[in-house]
Amino acid sequence: MKVAIVSKYDKRKLKKILKNFGFKIVRKNPEIVLSFGGDGTILYSERKYPSVPKLVIKYDSKIWRNYEYSSKNLEKILKKISEGKFKIHEEIKVEARFKGKKILGLNEIQVHNKIPTKALKFSLVVNRKKFKGLVGDGVIISTPFGSTAYYSSTGGKPFKKGIGISFNNLFGKKIKSFVVSENSKIKVKIEKGIGLILADNFEKYFQIKEGEEVLVKKSKENARFIFV
């Protein structure tokens, strides 16, 4: 089985362990990806190898999900995978469409004020429900996978199904975070100011100006994880 390694740590030991279990180390067209590190490594792994099954091995990082494993158990898990004793778990991703371009997030899509000292004025429409005249730092549109990340820091609670919406530092209004159907389409329009459309920890982003609108929805592309 062909395996790609994504890690900021020294890969020599990982390569040796993988080869001991009969895996072939590759950089292109892997059958599985070993994500060795923390949450940021998972996000980068998915961007680099979208939809390829990921084996998530956490190194000195908190384990959130039942398909994330401690580095202490690496060899035991590799043995099971080499014997074909594993399943694939899928997680939805969200995508932002803006001016014919697209950006995907495994954790979330954000619309965020570009200048920290200047709030955005914006509106949001989802499932015929309209939120107008919102003023603040923006909005976070999260997947279940990302509901324990930035979404939770703005008051959102972890959820297992749907798409979460949480407003970031709203001025003059208190709107609790809420979850909508995963088939919902969410439109965000800038009424005043300049914003950024962000996905996860990706350095790529789009700039959105007054009068412009971005559509956020579930992507047709899922992330896939190895569960043993």
C-alpha atoms as a PDB file:
ATOM      1  CA  MET A   1       0.000   0.000   0.000  1.00  0.00           C
ATOM      2  CA  LYS A   2       1.320   3.443  -0.977  1.00  0.00           C
ATOM      3  CA  VAL A   3       1.579   5.972   1.866  1.00  0.00           C
ATOM      4  CA  ALA A   4       2.394   9.685   1.911  1.00  0.00           C
ATOM      5  CA  ILE A   5       3.675  11.251   5.133  1.00  0.00           C
ATOM      6  CA  VAL A   6       2.660  14.741   6.227  1.00  0.00           C
ATOM      7  CA  SER A   7       4.519  15.932   9.313  1.00  0.00           C
ATOM      8  CA  LYS A   8       6.737  18.760  10.521  1.00  0.00           C
ATOM      9  CA  TYR A   9       8.761  16.240  12.534  1.00  0.00           C
ATOM     10  CA  ASP A  10      11.703  14.128  11.369  1.00  0.00           C
ATOM     11  CA  LYS A  11      10.250  11.564   8.962  1.00  0.00           C
ATOM     12  CA  ARG A  12      13.140   9.095   8.963  1.00  0.00           C
ATOM     13  CA  LYS A  13      11.831   7.069  11.899  1.00  0.00           C
ATOM     14  CA  LEU A  14       8.296   7.100  10.482  1.00  0.00           C
ATOM     15  CA  LYS A  15       9.546   5.852   7.116  1.00  0.00           C
ATOM     16  CA  LYS A  16      11.420   2.998   8.777  1.00  0.00           C
ATOM     17  CA  ILE A  17       8.357   1.912  10.775  1.00  0.00           C
ATOM     18  CA  LEU A  18       6.102   2.074   7.709  1.00  0.00           C
ATOM     19  CA  LYS A  19       8.515   0.015   5.616  1.00  0.00           C
ATOM     20  CA  ASN A  20       8.671  -2.619   8.358  1.00  0.00           C
ATOM     21  CA  PHE A  21       4.944  -3.175   7.818  1.00  0.00           C
ATOM     22  CA  GLY A  22       5.271  -3.380   4.040  1.00  0.00           C
ATOM     23  CA  PHE A  23       4.146   0.140   3.125  1.00  0.00           C
ATOM     24  CA  LYS A  24       5.671   2.000   0.193  1.00  0.00           C
ATOM     25  CA  ILE A  25       6.502   5.675   0.824  1.00  0.00           C
ATOM     26  CA  VAL A  26       5.383   8.018  -1.977  1.00  0.00           C
ATOM     27  CA  ARG A  27       4.736  11.712  -2.545  1.00  0.00           C
ATOM     28  CA  LYS A  28       2.279  11.425  -5.421  1.00  0.00           C
ATOM     29  CA  ASN A  29      -0.949   9.428  -5.714  1.00  0.00           C
ATOM     30  CA  PRO A  30      -0.910   7.784  -2.261  1.00  0.00           C
ATOM     31  CA  GLU A  31      -3.571   5.308  -1.218  1.00  0.00           C
ATOM     32  CA  ILE A  32      -3.471   6.620   2.356  1.00  0.00           C
ATOM     33  CA  VAL A  33      -1.879   9.601   4.102  1.00  0.00           C
ATOM     34  CA  LEU A  34      -0.184   9.498   7.493  1.00  0.00           C
ATOM     35  CA  SER A  35      -0.937  12.802   9.229  1.00  0.00           C
ATOM     36  CA  PHE A  36       1.561  12.913  12.093  1.00  0.00           C
ATOM     37  CA  GLY A  37       1.309  15.973  14.336  1.00  0.00           C
ATOM     38  CA  GLY A  38      -1.579  18.123  15.523  1.00  0.00           C
ATOM     39  CA  ASP A  39      -4.803  19.630  14.209  1.00  0.00           C
ATOM     40  CA  GLY A  40      -2.970  21.957  11.821  1.00  0.00           C
ATOM     41  CA  THR A  41      -1.289  18.950  10.227  1.00  0.00           C
ATOM     42  CA  ILE A  42      -4.683  17.347   9.577  1.00  0.00           C
ATOM     43  CA  LEU A  43      -5.916  20.475   7.790  1.00  0.00           C
ATOM     44  CA  TYR A  44      -2.764  20.736   5.694  1.00  0.00           C
ATOM     45  CA  SER A  45      -2.919  17.009   4.868  1.00  0.00           C
ATOM     46  CA  GLU A  46      -6.449  17.394   3.552  1.00  0.00           C
ATOM     47  CA  ARG A  47      -5.514  20.372   1.381  1.00  0.00           C
ATOM     48  CA  LYS A  48      -2.484  18.566  -0.041  1.00  0.00           C
ATOM     49  CA  TYR A  49      -4.221  15.220  -0.580  1.00  0.00           C
ATOM     50  CA  PRO A  50      -7.973  15.954  -0.723  1.00  0.00           C
ATOM     51  CA  SER A  51     -10.290  13.001  -0.035  1.00  0.00           C
ATOM     52  CA  VAL A  52      -7.425  10.499   0.274  1.00  0.00           C
ATOM     53  CA  PRO A  53      -7.971   8.477   3.497  1.00  0.00           C
ATOM     54  CA  LYS A  54      -5.995   9.955   6.401  1.00  0.00           C
ATOM     55  CA  LEU A  55      -4.475   8.071   9.302  1.00  0.00           C
ATOM     56  CA  VAL A  56      -4.388  10.688  12.059  1.00  0.00           C
ATOM     57  CA  ILE A  57      -1.612  10.173  14.578  1.00  0.00           C
ATOM     58  CA  LYS A  58      -1.420  12.853  17.247  1.00  0.00           C
ATOM     59  CA  TYR A  59       1.975  13.741  18.665  1.00  0.00           C
ATOM     60  CA  ASP A  60       1.739  15.547  22.005  1.00  0.00           C
ATOM     61  CA  SER A  61      -1.677  16.905  21.038  1.00  0.00           C
ATOM     62  CA  LYS A  62      -5.203  16.406  22.359  1.00  0.00           C
ATOM     63  CA  ILE A  63      -7.263  13.600  20.854  1.00  0.00           C
ATOM     64  CA  TRP A  64     -10.792  14.753  19.991  1.00  0.00           C
ATOM     65  CA  ARG A  65     -12.228  12.014  17.796  1.00  0.00           C
ATOM     66  CA  ASN A  66     -12.409   8.217  17.794  1.00  0.00           C
ATOM     67  CA  TYR A  67     -10.374   8.036  14.566  1.00  0.00           C
ATOM     68  CA  GLU A  68      -7.464   9.999  16.040  1.00  0.00           C
ATOM     69  CA  TYR A  69      -4.706   8.012  17.708  1.00  0.00           C
ATOM     70  CA  SER A  70      -1.734   8.580  19.978  1.00  0.00           C
ATOM     71  CA  SER A  71       1.747   8.148  18.519  1.00  0.00           C
ATOM     72  CA  LYS A  72       2.299   5.487  21.202  1.00  0.00           C
ATOM     73  CA  ASN A  73      -0.082   3.190  19.298  1.00  0.00           C
ATOM     74  CA  LEU A  74       1.329   3.775  15.807  1.00  0.00           C
ATOM     75  CA  GLU A  75       2.795   0.303  15.231  1.00  0.00           C
ATOM     76  CA  LYS A  76      -0.293  -1.476  16.544  1.00  0.00           C
ATOM     77  CA  ILE A  77      -2.502   0.564  14.178  1.00  0.00           C
ATOM     78  CA  LEU A  78      -0.220   0.064  11.170  1.00  0.00           C
ATOM     79  CA  LYS A  79      -0.350  -3.685  11.739  1.00  0.00           C
ATOM     80  CA  LYS A  80      -4.158  -3.634  11.563  1.00  0.00           C
ATOM     81  CA  ILE A  81      -4.124  -1.502   8.412  1.00  0.00           C
ATOM     82  CA  SER A  82      -1.593  -3.810   6.744  1.00  0.00           C
ATOM     83  CA  GLU A  83      -3.989  -6.684   7.470  1.00  0.00           C
ATOM     84  CA  GLY A  84      -6.927  -4.767   6.002  1.00  0.00           C
ATOM     85  CA  LYS A  85      -8.634  -4.427   9.378  1.00  0.00           C
ATOM     86  CA  PHE A  86      -9.892  -0.858   9.118  1.00  0.00           C
ATOM     87  CA  LYS A  87     -12.887   1.218   8.041  1.00  0.00           C
ATOM     88  CA  ILE A  88     -13.285   4.630   6.435  1.00  0.00           C
ATOM     89  CA  HIS A  89     -15.103   7.456   8.222  1.00  0.00           C
ATOM     90  CA  GLU A  90     -16.199  10.493   6.210  1.00  0.00           C
ATOM     91  CA  GLU A  91     -16.552  14.119   7.301  1.00  0.00           C
ATOM     92  CA  ILE A  92     -18.218  16.893   5.318  1.00  0.00           C
ATOM     93  CA  LYS A  93     -16.374  19.971   4.123  1.00  0.00           C
ATOM     94  CA  VAL A  94     -17.769  23.424   3.381  1.00  0.00           C
ATOM     95  CA  GLU A  95     -16.979  25.568   0.377  1.00  0.00           C
ATOM     96  CA  ALA A  96     -17.184  29.281  -0.344  1.00  0.00           C
ATOM     97  CA  ARG A  97     -18.012  30.409  -3.876  1.00  0.00           C
ATOM     98  CA  PHE A  98     -17.080  33.946  -4.800  1.00  0.00           C
ATOM     99  CA  LYS A  99     -16.739  35.528  -8.252  1.00  0.00           C
ATOM    100  CA  GLY A 100     -16.392  32.170  -9.971  1.00  0.00           C
ATOM    101  CA  LYS A 101     -13.727  30.984  -7.525  1.00  0.00           C
ATOM    102  CA  LYS A 102     -13.942  28.359  -4.800  1.00  0.00           C
ATOM    103  CA  ILE A 103     -12.188  27.695  -1.506  1.00  0.00           C
ATOM    104  CA  LEU A 104     -12.795  24.674   0.764  1.00  0.00           C
ATOM    105  CA  GLY A 105     -12.639  24.229   4.515  1.00  0.00           C
ATOM    106  CA  LEU A 106     -12.572  21.076   6.620  1.00  0.00           C
ATOM    107  CA  ASN A 107     -13.002  23.112   9.819  1.00  0.00           C
ATOM    108  CA  GLU A 108     -14.766  26.240   8.673  1.00  0.00           C
ATOM    109  CA  ILE A 109     -15.238  29.117   6.280  1.00  0.00           C
ATOM    110  CA  GLN A 110     -14.936  32.566   7.809  1.00  0.00           C
ATOM    111  CA  VAL A 111     -15.930  35.997   6.627  1.00  0.00           C
ATOM    112  CA  HIS A 112     -13.737  38.265   8.745  1.00  0.00           C
ATOM    113  CA  ASN A 113     -13.006  41.981   8.877  1.00  0.00           C
ATOM    114  CA  LYS A 114      -9.788  42.803   7.038  1.00  0.00           C
ATOM    115  CA  ILE A 115      -8.774  45.694   9.291  1.00  0.00           C
ATOM    116  CA  PRO A 116      -8.848  44.668  12.991  1.00  0.00           C
ATOM    117  CA  THR A 117      -9.783  48.178  14.153  1.00  0.00           C
ATOM    118  CA  LYS A 118     -12.745  48.461  11.775  1.00  0.00           C
ATOM    119  CA  ALA A 119     -15.858  46.326  12.132  1.00  0.00           C
ATOM    120  CA  LEU A 120     -17.755  44.869   9.200  1.00  0.00           C
ATOM    121  CA  LYS A 121     -21.386  45.644   8.506  1.00  0.00           C
ATOM    122  CA  PHE A 122     -22.954  42.651   6.807  1.00  0.00           C
ATOM    123  CA  SER A 123     -26.086  40.559   6.346  1.00  0.00           C
ATOM    124  CA  LEU A 124     -26.626  36.804   6.317  1.00  0.00           C
ATOM    125  CA  VAL A 125     -29.400  34.736   4.764  1.00  0.00           C
ATOM    126  CA  VAL A 126     -29.957  31.035   5.459  1.00  0.00           C
ATOM    127  CA  ASN A 127     -33.103  28.959   4.859  1.00  0.00           C
ATOM    128  CA  ARG A 128     -35.201  32.097   4.248  1.00  0.00           C
ATOM    129  CA  LYS A 129     -34.126  33.512   7.593  1.00  0.00           C
ATOM    130  CA  LYS A 130     -32.489  36.918   7.269  1.00  0.00           C
ATOM    131  CA  PHE A 131     -30.058  38.634   9.615  1.00  0.00           C
ATOM    132  CA  LYS A 132     -29.637  42.254   8.532  1.00  0.00           C
ATOM    133  CA  GLY A 133     -27.497  45.133   9.735  1.00  0.00           C
ATOM    134  CA  LEU A 134     -24.990  42.978  11.593  1.00  0.00           C
ATOM    135  CA  VAL A 135     -21.892  44.806  12.833  1.00  0.00           C
ATOM    136  CA  GLY A 136     -18.859  42.955  14.151  1.00  0.00           C
ATOM    137  CA  ASP A 137     -15.769  40.969  13.204  1.00  0.00           C
ATOM    138  CA  GLY A 138     -17.690  38.608  10.918  1.00  0.00           C
ATOM    139  CA  VAL A 139     -19.131  35.101  10.925  1.00  0.00           C
ATOM    140  CA  ILE A 140     -17.837  31.530  11.230  1.00  0.00           C
ATOM    141  CA  ILE A 141     -19.538  28.776   9.222  1.00  0.00           C
ATOM    142  CA  SER A 142     -18.402  25.451  10.641  1.00  0.00           C
ATOM    143  CA  THR A 143     -18.533  21.735   9.914  1.00  0.00           C
ATOM    144  CA  PRO A 144     -19.043  19.152  12.679  1.00  0.00           C
ATOM    145  CA  PHE A 145     -15.308  18.420  12.381  1.00  0.00           C
ATOM    146  CA  GLY A 146     -14.501  22.075  13.054  1.00  0.00           C
ATOM    147  CA  SER A 147     -17.060  22.573  15.808  1.00  0.00           C
ATOM    148  CA  THR A 148     -14.409  21.986  18.498  1.00  0.00           C
ATOM    149  CA  ALA A 149     -12.079  24.575  16.932  1.00  0.00           C
ATOM    150  CA  TYR A 150     -12.511  28.339  16.338  1.00  0.00           C
ATOM    151  CA  TYR A 151     -16.298  27.945  16.205  1.00  0.00           C
ATOM    152  CA  SER A 152     -16.320  26.890  19.870  1.00  0.00           C
ATOM    153  CA  SER A 153     -14.293  29.947  20.913  1.00  0.00           C
ATOM    154  CA  THR A 154     -17.141  32.214  19.762  1.00  0.00           C
ATOM    155  CA  GLY A 155     -19.763  30.393  21.813  1.00  0.00           C
ATOM    156  CA  GLY A 156     -20.611  27.511  19.505  1.00  0.00           C
ATOM    157  CA  LYS A 157     -21.127  24.074  21.012  1.00  0.00           C
ATOM    158  CA  PRO A 158     -19.767  20.887  19.406  1.00  0.00           C
ATOM    159  CA  PHE A 159     -22.254  19.167  17.105  1.00  0.00           C
ATOM    160  CA  LYS A 160     -22.250  15.979  15.031  1.00  0.00           C
ATOM    161  CA  LYS A 161     -24.451  16.835  12.065  1.00  0.00           C
ATOM    162  CA  GLY A 162     -25.268  19.941  10.037  1.00  0.00           C
ATOM    163  CA  ILE A 163     -23.500  23.273   9.552  1.00  0.00           C
ATOM    164  CA  GLY A 164     -22.867  25.628  12.462  1.00  0.00           C
ATOM    165  CA  ILE A 165     -23.118  29.420  12.280  1.00  0.00           C
ATOM    166  CA  SER A 166     -21.517  31.640  14.899  1.00  0.00           C
ATOM    167  CA  PHE A 167     -21.178  35.413  14.776  1.00  0.00           C
ATOM    168  CA  ASN A 168     -17.878  36.908  15.846  1.00  0.00           C
ATOM    169  CA  ASN A 169     -17.964  39.854  18.305  1.00  0.00           C
ATOM    170  CA  LEU A 170     -21.295  41.319  17.224  1.00  0.00           C
ATOM    171  CA  PHE A 171     -21.975  44.873  18.360  1.00  0.00           C
ATOM    172  CA  GLY A 172     -25.375  45.704  19.852  1.00  0.00           C
ATOM    173  CA  LYS A 173     -26.953  42.296  19.192  1.00  0.00           C
ATOM    174  CA  LYS A 174     -26.828  38.943  20.926  1.00  0.00           C
ATOM    175  CA  ILE A 175     -27.390  36.065  18.532  1.00  0.00           C
ATOM    176  CA  LYS A 176     -26.479  32.624  19.824  1.00  0.00           C
ATOM    177  CA  SER A 177     -24.616  30.186  17.625  1.00  0.00           C
ATOM    178  CA  PHE A 178     -26.940  27.785  15.833  1.00  0.00           C
ATOM    179  CA  VAL A 179     -26.857  24.735  13.569  1.00  0.00           C
ATOM    180  CA  VAL A 180     -28.696  24.345  10.257  1.00  0.00           C
ATOM    181  CA  SER A 181     -29.147  21.418   7.882  1.00  0.00           C
ATOM    182  CA  GLU A 182     -25.988  20.386   6.036  1.00  0.00           C
ATOM    183  CA  ASN A 183     -27.839  21.023   2.758  1.00  0.00           C
ATOM    184  CA  SER A 184     -28.395  24.688   3.630  1.00  0.00           C
ATOM    185  CA  LYS A 185     -27.057  27.498   1.475  1.00  0.00           C
ATOM    186  CA  ILE A 186     -25.704  30.476   3.367  1.00  0.00           C
ATOM    187  CA  LYS A 187     -25.250  33.880   1.759  1.00  0.00           C
ATOM    188  CA  VAL A 188     -23.174  36.619   3.353  1.00  0.00           C
ATOM    189  CA  LYS A 189     -23.264  40.131   1.897  1.00  0.00           C
ATOM    190  CA  ILE A 190     -20.970  42.990   2.887  1.00  0.00           C
ATOM    191  CA  GLU A 191     -22.877  46.220   3.504  1.00  0.00           C
ATOM    192  CA  LYS A 192     -19.942  48.327   4.679  1.00  0.00           C
ATOM    193  CA  GLY A 193     -16.219  47.725   5.033  1.00  0.00           C
ATOM    194  CA  ILE A 194     -13.771  45.221   3.571  1.00  0.00           C
ATOM    195  CA  GLY A 195     -13.710  41.574   4.572  1.00  0.00           C
ATOM    196  CA  LEU A 196     -11.688  38.440   3.966  1.00  0.00           C
ATOM    197  CA  ILE A 197     -13.051  35.019   3.036  1.00  0.00           C
ATOM    198  CA  LEU A 198     -10.913  32.472   4.889  1.00  0.00           C
ATOM    199  CA  ALA A 199     -10.804  28.675   5.005  1.00  0.00           C
ATOM    200  CA  ASP A 200      -9.266  26.866   7.987  1.00  0.00           C
ATOM    201  CA  ASN A 201      -5.624  27.881   8.480  1.00  0.00           C
ATOM    202  CA  PHE A 202      -5.052  28.246   4.735  1.00  0.00           C
ATOM    203  CA  GLU A 203      -2.903  31.201   3.686  1.00  0.00           C
ATOM    204  CA  LYS A 204      -4.972  31.677   0.531  1.00  0.00           C
ATOM    205  CA  TYR A 205      -8.004  33.957   0.883  1.00  0.00           C
ATOM    206  CA  PHE A 206     -10.385  36.189  -1.074  1.00  0.00           C
ATOM    207  CA  GLN A 207     -11.078  39.846  -0.379  1.00  0.00           C
ATOM    208  CA  ILE A 208     -14.750  40.837  -0.349  1.00  0.00           C
ATOM    209  CA  LYS A 209     -15.945  44.444  -0.618  1.00  0.00           C
ATOM    210  CA  GLU A 210     -19.069  46.476   0.003  1.00  0.00           C
ATOM    211  CA  GLY A 211     -22.015  45.205  -2.047  1.00  0.00           C
ATOM    212  CA  GLU A 212     -20.404  41.838  -2.775  1.00  0.00           C
ATOM    213  CA  GLU A 213     -21.789  38.462  -1.692  1.00  0.00           C
ATOM    214  CA  VAL A 214     -20.323  35.033  -0.964  1.00  0.00           C
ATOM    215  CA  LEU A 215     -22.200  31.722  -1.011  1.00  0.00           C
ATOM    216  CA  VAL A 216     -21.209  29.041   1.500  1.00  0.00           C
ATOM    217  CA  LYS A 217     -22.519  25.482   1.343  1.00  0.00           C
ATOM    218  CA  LYS A 218     -21.585  21.852   1.863  1.00  0.00           C
ATOM    219  CA  SER A 219     -18.978  20.656  -0.607  1.00  0.00           C
ATOM    220  CA  LYS A 220     -19.523  17.590  -2.772  1.00  0.00           C
ATOM    221  CA  GLU A 221     -16.034  16.555  -1.667  1.00  0.00           C
ATOM    222  CA  ASN A 222     -15.678  14.808   1.706  1.00  0.00           C
ATOM    223  CA  ALA A 223     -12.661  14.221   3.913  1.00  0.00           C
ATOM    224  CA  ARG A 224     -11.981  10.553   4.683  1.00  0.00           C
ATOM    225  CA  PHE A 225     -10.335   9.120   7.788  1.00  0.00           C
ATOM    226  CA  ILE A 226      -9.083   5.674   8.739  1.00  0.00           C
ATOM    227  CA  PHE A 227     -10.799   4.071  11.711  1.00  0.00           C
ATOM    228  CA  VAL A 228      -9.429   0.839  13.218  1.00  0.00           C
END
